[in-house]
Structure formats: C-alpha cells, structure tokens
N, C-alpha and C. Protein backbone atom coordinates (compact mmCIF):
# COMPACT_ATOMS: atom_id res chain seq x y z
N UNK A 1 83.97 105.31 21.72
CA UNK A 1 84.37 104.05 22.30
C UNK A 1 85.37 103.34 21.39
N UNK A 2 85.12 103.33 20.08
CA UNK A 2 86.00 102.62 19.15
C UNK A 2 87.41 103.20 19.17
N UNK A 3 87.51 104.51 19.28
CA UNK A 3 88.83 105.15 19.31
C UNK A 3 89.60 104.71 20.55
N UNK A 4 88.90 104.61 21.68
CA UNK A 4 89.56 104.17 22.91
C UNK A 4 90.03 102.72 22.78
N UNK A 5 89.21 101.87 22.16
CA UNK A 5 89.60 100.48 21.95
C UNK A 5 90.83 100.40 21.04
N UNK A 6 90.85 101.23 20.00
CA UNK A 6 92.01 101.23 19.10
C UNK A 6 93.25 101.68 19.83
N UNK A 7 93.10 102.68 20.69
CA UNK A 7 94.24 103.19 21.45
C UNK A 7 94.79 102.11 22.38
N UNK A 8 93.89 101.34 23.00
CA UNK A 8 94.33 100.29 23.91
C UNK A 8 94.83 99.07 23.16
N UNK A 9 94.60 99.02 21.88
CA UNK A 9 95.06 97.96 20.99
C UNK A 9 94.66 96.57 21.48
N UNK A 10 93.36 96.38 21.64
CA UNK A 10 92.87 95.05 21.98
C UNK A 10 93.16 94.08 20.84
N UNK A 11 93.27 94.55 19.64
CA UNK A 11 93.65 93.75 18.49
C UNK A 11 94.11 94.70 17.41
N UNK A 12 94.37 94.19 16.25
CA UNK A 12 94.95 95.00 15.17
C UNK A 12 94.08 96.21 14.83
N UNK A 13 94.73 97.32 14.63
CA UNK A 13 94.04 98.59 14.39
C UNK A 13 93.55 98.70 12.95
N UNK A 14 93.99 97.81 12.07
CA UNK A 14 93.60 97.91 10.66
C UNK A 14 92.08 97.85 10.49
N UNK A 15 91.40 97.11 11.35
CA UNK A 15 89.95 96.99 11.23
C UNK A 15 89.27 98.32 11.55
N UNK A 16 89.76 98.99 12.57
CA UNK A 16 89.25 100.32 12.92
C UNK A 16 89.51 101.29 11.77
N UNK A 17 90.71 101.23 11.20
CA UNK A 17 91.06 102.12 10.09
C UNK A 17 90.19 101.83 8.86
N UNK A 18 89.93 100.55 8.59
CA UNK A 18 89.09 100.19 7.44
C UNK A 18 87.67 100.70 7.62
N UNK A 19 87.12 100.56 8.82
CA UNK A 19 85.76 101.05 9.09
C UNK A 19 85.68 102.56 8.91
N UNK A 20 86.67 103.25 9.44
CA UNK A 20 86.69 104.71 9.33
C UNK A 20 86.85 105.14 7.88
N UNK A 21 87.74 104.49 7.15
CA UNK A 21 87.96 104.83 5.74
C UNK A 21 86.71 104.58 4.90
N UNK A 22 86.03 103.47 5.13
CA UNK A 22 84.81 103.19 4.38
C UNK A 22 83.74 104.25 4.65
N UNK A 23 83.57 104.60 5.91
CA UNK A 23 82.56 105.60 6.25
C UNK A 23 82.91 106.96 5.66
N UNK A 24 84.19 107.34 5.75
CA UNK A 24 84.61 108.62 5.18
C UNK A 24 84.48 108.65 3.66
N UNK A 25 84.75 107.51 3.02
CA UNK A 25 84.57 107.43 1.57
C UNK A 25 83.11 107.64 1.21
N UNK A 26 82.23 107.01 1.97
CA UNK A 26 80.79 107.21 1.76
C UNK A 26 80.40 108.66 1.94
N UNK A 27 80.94 109.30 2.97
CA UNK A 27 80.65 110.71 3.22
C UNK A 27 81.13 111.58 2.06
N UNK A 28 82.31 111.29 1.53
CA UNK A 28 82.85 112.03 0.40
C UNK A 28 81.97 111.85 -0.84
N UNK A 29 81.58 110.61 -1.11
CA UNK A 29 80.73 110.33 -2.27
C UNK A 29 79.39 111.05 -2.14
N UNK A 30 78.83 111.06 -0.94
CA UNK A 30 77.56 111.74 -0.70
C UNK A 30 77.69 113.24 -0.95
N UNK A 31 78.80 113.82 -0.51
CA UNK A 31 79.01 115.26 -0.73
C UNK A 31 79.19 115.58 -2.21
N UNK A 32 79.87 114.72 -2.94
CA UNK A 32 80.00 114.91 -4.39
C UNK A 32 78.62 114.87 -5.02
N UNK A 33 77.79 113.92 -4.59
CA UNK A 33 76.43 113.81 -5.11
C UNK A 33 75.62 115.07 -4.81
N UNK A 34 75.75 115.59 -3.60
CA UNK A 34 75.02 116.82 -3.25
C UNK A 34 75.50 118.02 -4.07
N UNK A 35 76.79 118.11 -4.27
CA UNK A 35 77.35 119.27 -4.97
C UNK A 35 77.12 119.25 -6.47
N UNK A 36 77.13 118.06 -7.06
CA UNK A 36 77.05 117.95 -8.51
C UNK A 36 75.84 117.13 -8.97
N UNK A 37 74.75 117.23 -8.25
CA UNK A 37 73.56 116.42 -8.55
C UNK A 37 73.06 116.65 -9.98
N UNK A 38 72.92 117.89 -10.38
CA UNK A 38 72.39 118.20 -11.72
C UNK A 38 73.33 117.67 -12.81
N UNK A 39 74.63 117.87 -12.62
CA UNK A 39 75.60 117.40 -13.61
C UNK A 39 75.61 115.87 -13.70
N UNK A 40 75.53 115.21 -12.55
CA UNK A 40 75.52 113.75 -12.55
C UNK A 40 74.26 113.21 -13.21
N UNK A 41 73.13 113.85 -12.96
CA UNK A 41 71.87 113.41 -13.57
C UNK A 41 71.92 113.53 -15.09
N UNK A 42 72.46 114.63 -15.60
CA UNK A 42 72.54 114.78 -17.05
C UNK A 42 73.60 113.86 -17.65
N UNK A 43 74.67 113.60 -16.93
CA UNK A 43 75.71 112.70 -17.43
C UNK A 43 75.21 111.26 -17.49
N UNK A 44 74.29 110.90 -16.61
CA UNK A 44 73.75 109.54 -16.58
C UNK A 44 73.04 109.19 -17.88
N UNK A 45 72.48 110.18 -18.55
CA UNK A 45 71.75 109.94 -19.80
C UNK A 45 72.67 109.42 -20.90
N UNK A 46 73.94 109.79 -20.85
CA UNK A 46 74.86 109.37 -21.91
C UNK A 46 75.70 108.15 -21.52
N UNK A 47 75.51 107.64 -20.33
CA UNK A 47 76.30 106.49 -19.88
C UNK A 47 75.69 105.18 -20.35
N UNK A 48 76.52 104.15 -20.54
CA UNK A 48 75.98 102.82 -20.87
C UNK A 48 75.14 102.30 -19.70
N UNK A 49 74.12 101.52 -19.98
CA UNK A 49 73.21 101.05 -18.93
C UNK A 49 73.90 100.30 -17.78
N UNK A 50 74.99 99.61 -18.06
CA UNK A 50 75.68 98.87 -17.00
C UNK A 50 76.42 99.78 -16.03
N UNK A 51 76.74 100.98 -16.46
CA UNK A 51 77.49 101.92 -15.63
C UNK A 51 76.56 102.82 -14.80
N UNK A 52 75.33 102.97 -15.25
CA UNK A 52 74.39 103.90 -14.59
C UNK A 52 74.23 103.63 -13.09
N UNK A 53 74.08 102.38 -12.64
CA UNK A 53 73.92 102.17 -11.18
C UNK A 53 75.12 102.68 -10.37
N UNK A 54 76.30 102.65 -10.93
CA UNK A 54 77.49 103.11 -10.21
C UNK A 54 77.62 104.63 -10.19
N UNK A 55 76.76 105.30 -10.94
CA UNK A 55 76.76 106.77 -10.90
C UNK A 55 75.70 107.29 -9.93
N UNK A 56 75.00 106.40 -9.27
CA UNK A 56 74.02 106.78 -8.25
C UNK A 56 74.78 106.95 -6.93
N UNK A 57 75.39 108.11 -6.76
CA UNK A 57 76.28 108.32 -5.62
C UNK A 57 75.57 108.27 -4.28
N UNK A 58 74.29 108.65 -4.25
CA UNK A 58 73.58 108.58 -2.98
C UNK A 58 73.44 107.12 -2.53
N UNK A 59 73.21 106.23 -3.48
CA UNK A 59 73.13 104.81 -3.14
C UNK A 59 74.49 104.29 -2.69
N UNK A 60 75.55 104.75 -3.35
CA UNK A 60 76.90 104.34 -2.94
C UNK A 60 77.22 104.82 -1.53
N UNK A 61 76.72 106.00 -1.17
CA UNK A 61 76.90 106.51 0.20
C UNK A 61 76.33 105.51 1.19
N UNK A 62 75.14 105.00 0.91
CA UNK A 62 74.52 104.04 1.82
C UNK A 62 75.33 102.75 1.90
N UNK A 63 75.86 102.30 0.79
CA UNK A 63 76.68 101.08 0.79
C UNK A 63 77.96 101.27 1.60
N UNK A 64 78.68 102.34 1.34
CA UNK A 64 79.93 102.59 2.06
C UNK A 64 79.69 102.83 3.55
N UNK A 65 78.72 103.67 3.87
CA UNK A 65 78.44 103.98 5.28
C UNK A 65 77.92 102.75 6.01
N UNK A 66 77.07 101.98 5.36
CA UNK A 66 76.53 100.78 5.99
C UNK A 66 77.60 99.74 6.26
N UNK A 67 78.46 99.50 5.27
CA UNK A 67 79.52 98.50 5.48
C UNK A 67 80.57 99.02 6.46
N UNK A 68 80.82 100.33 6.45
CA UNK A 68 81.73 100.91 7.43
C UNK A 68 81.20 100.73 8.84
N UNK A 69 79.90 100.92 9.02
CA UNK A 69 79.28 100.71 10.34
C UNK A 69 79.35 99.24 10.73
N UNK A 70 79.14 98.34 9.78
CA UNK A 70 79.23 96.90 10.03
C UNK A 70 80.64 96.51 10.48
N UNK A 71 81.64 97.02 9.80
CA UNK A 71 83.03 96.73 10.18
C UNK A 71 83.34 97.31 11.56
N UNK A 72 82.79 98.46 11.87
CA UNK A 72 82.98 99.06 13.19
C UNK A 72 82.36 98.18 14.28
N UNK A 73 81.20 97.60 14.00
CA UNK A 73 80.58 96.67 14.95
C UNK A 73 81.44 95.43 15.12
N UNK A 74 81.97 94.90 14.02
CA UNK A 74 82.88 93.75 14.12
C UNK A 74 84.10 94.10 14.96
N UNK A 75 84.59 95.31 14.79
CA UNK A 75 85.74 95.79 15.56
C UNK A 75 85.43 95.73 17.05
N UNK A 76 84.28 96.25 17.44
CA UNK A 76 83.89 96.26 18.86
C UNK A 76 83.67 94.85 19.38
N UNK A 77 83.05 93.99 18.57
CA UNK A 77 82.84 92.59 18.98
C UNK A 77 84.16 91.87 19.18
N UNK A 78 85.09 92.07 18.26
CA UNK A 78 86.38 91.40 18.39
C UNK A 78 87.16 91.93 19.58
N UNK A 79 87.05 93.22 19.86
CA UNK A 79 87.71 93.79 21.04
C UNK A 79 87.12 93.19 22.31
N UNK A 80 85.80 93.04 22.34
CA UNK A 80 85.14 92.45 23.51
C UNK A 80 85.57 91.00 23.70
N UNK A 81 85.59 90.24 22.63
CA UNK A 81 86.02 88.84 22.72
C UNK A 81 87.47 88.75 23.18
N UNK A 82 88.29 89.64 22.69
CA UNK A 82 89.70 89.67 23.10
C UNK A 82 89.81 89.99 24.58
N UNK A 83 89.01 90.94 25.05
CA UNK A 83 89.02 91.31 26.47
C UNK A 83 88.56 90.13 27.34
N UNK A 84 87.61 89.35 26.83
CA UNK A 84 87.12 88.19 27.57
C UNK A 84 88.02 86.97 27.39
N UNK A 85 89.12 87.16 26.68
CA UNK A 85 90.09 86.11 26.40
C UNK A 85 89.47 84.95 25.62
N UNK A 86 88.58 85.31 24.71
CA UNK A 86 87.98 84.33 23.81
C UNK A 86 88.82 84.28 22.54
N UNK A 87 89.06 83.10 22.06
CA UNK A 87 89.80 82.94 20.81
C UNK A 87 88.88 83.36 19.66
N UNK A 88 89.35 84.27 18.82
CA UNK A 88 88.54 84.70 17.68
C UNK A 88 89.47 85.13 16.56
N UNK A 89 88.94 85.05 15.35
CA UNK A 89 89.71 85.51 14.20
C UNK A 89 88.75 85.99 13.13
N UNK A 90 89.26 86.88 12.30
CA UNK A 90 88.47 87.39 11.18
C UNK A 90 88.59 86.40 10.03
N UNK A 91 87.49 86.20 9.34
CA UNK A 91 87.53 85.36 8.14
C UNK A 91 86.62 85.97 7.10
N UNK A 92 86.82 85.57 5.87
CA UNK A 92 86.02 86.06 4.77
C UNK A 92 84.80 85.15 4.63
N UNK A 93 83.62 85.73 4.73
CA UNK A 93 82.37 84.98 4.63
C UNK A 93 81.58 85.42 3.41
N UNK A 94 80.33 84.99 3.33
CA UNK A 94 79.51 85.32 2.15
C UNK A 94 79.21 86.81 1.99
N UNK A 95 79.22 87.58 3.08
CA UNK A 95 78.95 89.02 2.97
C UNK A 95 80.18 89.85 3.26
N UNK A 96 81.33 89.24 3.26
CA UNK A 96 82.57 89.95 3.56
C UNK A 96 83.19 89.41 4.83
N UNK A 97 83.67 90.31 5.66
CA UNK A 97 84.34 89.89 6.89
C UNK A 97 83.34 89.42 7.94
N UNK A 98 83.74 88.42 8.69
CA UNK A 98 82.96 87.97 9.84
C UNK A 98 83.92 87.41 10.88
N UNK A 99 83.42 87.25 12.09
CA UNK A 99 84.25 86.78 13.20
C UNK A 99 83.97 85.31 13.44
N UNK A 100 85.03 84.54 13.54
CA UNK A 100 84.91 83.14 13.91
C UNK A 100 85.37 83.02 15.35
N UNK A 101 84.50 82.53 16.21
CA UNK A 101 84.79 82.43 17.64
C UNK A 101 85.18 81.01 17.97
N UNK A 102 86.28 80.88 18.72
CA UNK A 102 86.77 79.57 19.13
C UNK A 102 86.63 79.38 20.62
N UNK A 103 87.56 78.64 21.16
CA UNK A 103 87.54 78.31 22.58
C UNK A 103 88.03 79.48 23.42
N UNK A 104 87.70 79.42 24.68
CA UNK A 104 88.15 80.44 25.63
C UNK A 104 89.63 80.24 25.91
N UNK A 105 90.36 81.35 26.06
CA UNK A 105 91.79 81.28 26.40
C UNK A 105 92.00 81.49 27.89
N UNK A 106 90.93 81.53 28.65
CA UNK A 106 91.05 81.72 30.09
C UNK A 106 91.64 80.47 30.73
N UNK A 107 92.46 80.65 31.74
CA UNK A 107 92.94 79.47 32.44
C UNK A 107 91.77 78.80 33.16
N UNK A 108 91.71 77.50 33.04
CA UNK A 108 90.60 76.79 33.68
C UNK A 108 90.81 76.70 35.18
N UNK A 109 89.70 76.78 35.90
CA UNK A 109 89.78 76.67 37.36
C UNK A 109 89.85 75.21 37.75
N UNK A 110 90.60 74.93 38.80
CA UNK A 110 90.64 73.53 39.24
C UNK A 110 89.27 73.10 39.75
N UNK A 111 88.94 71.87 39.45
CA UNK A 111 87.64 71.35 39.88
C UNK A 111 87.66 71.10 41.37
N UNK A 112 86.59 71.52 42.04
CA UNK A 112 86.51 71.27 43.48
C UNK A 112 86.03 69.85 43.71
N UNK A 113 86.58 69.22 44.73
CA UNK A 113 86.25 67.82 44.96
C UNK A 113 85.39 67.63 46.15
C-alpha cells in the first residue's frame, strides 16, 4: 500500500524513503549481528562501558525497524489526511516526527435555509 501511495504522490516521497531506509538499516545491522555474533561479543569486553550499548546490534535492529515502521505509519496517515483534503504538516516532537493536523481544505457547502 505504501508503495502505491508514494507512486501517486499524495505528498512528498522523502518520508516513504526515510521509513524504508531506516528499516533496511535495521535489517543490515541485524544481519551483521547474526553473522559476527561471536566476534562482537568478544570485542565488547574491550570496549569502554559507554560504547557497549551501541555494540548491541540486535537492540539497534529493534530501534531502526521500530522507528522505520513508525515513520511508515506517519506516511500512511499523512497520505490519508491529504486525500481527505485535511491540512497537515510534519513537525518535530518529543519522540521525533509527528503530524500536526489543521483545518479541512474542503470547500464548504452552502448552508440550506
């Protein structure tokens, strides 16, 4: 569905690309973790304590994939709002990107008397 929305260009495609890139980065990190698990585990012993959490590639996979999925959901929500002619824009919030919804852009119907 997201690919079809991007093709129809309900709004800027950069959000779709960002979601895909984040998810693919997570997938790459997870595969590195699977392939080099023993080496990463032994290398962690010699790393400074502040760096050790960033060498937990399986955890990073969850972060990248989770945020990629979140951005993909925002993408679909913004496409839906655009289709409904709702005014919306992306803004930076406490957890990253979020959608700010404004007024409807639909032409108002004349009031019946």
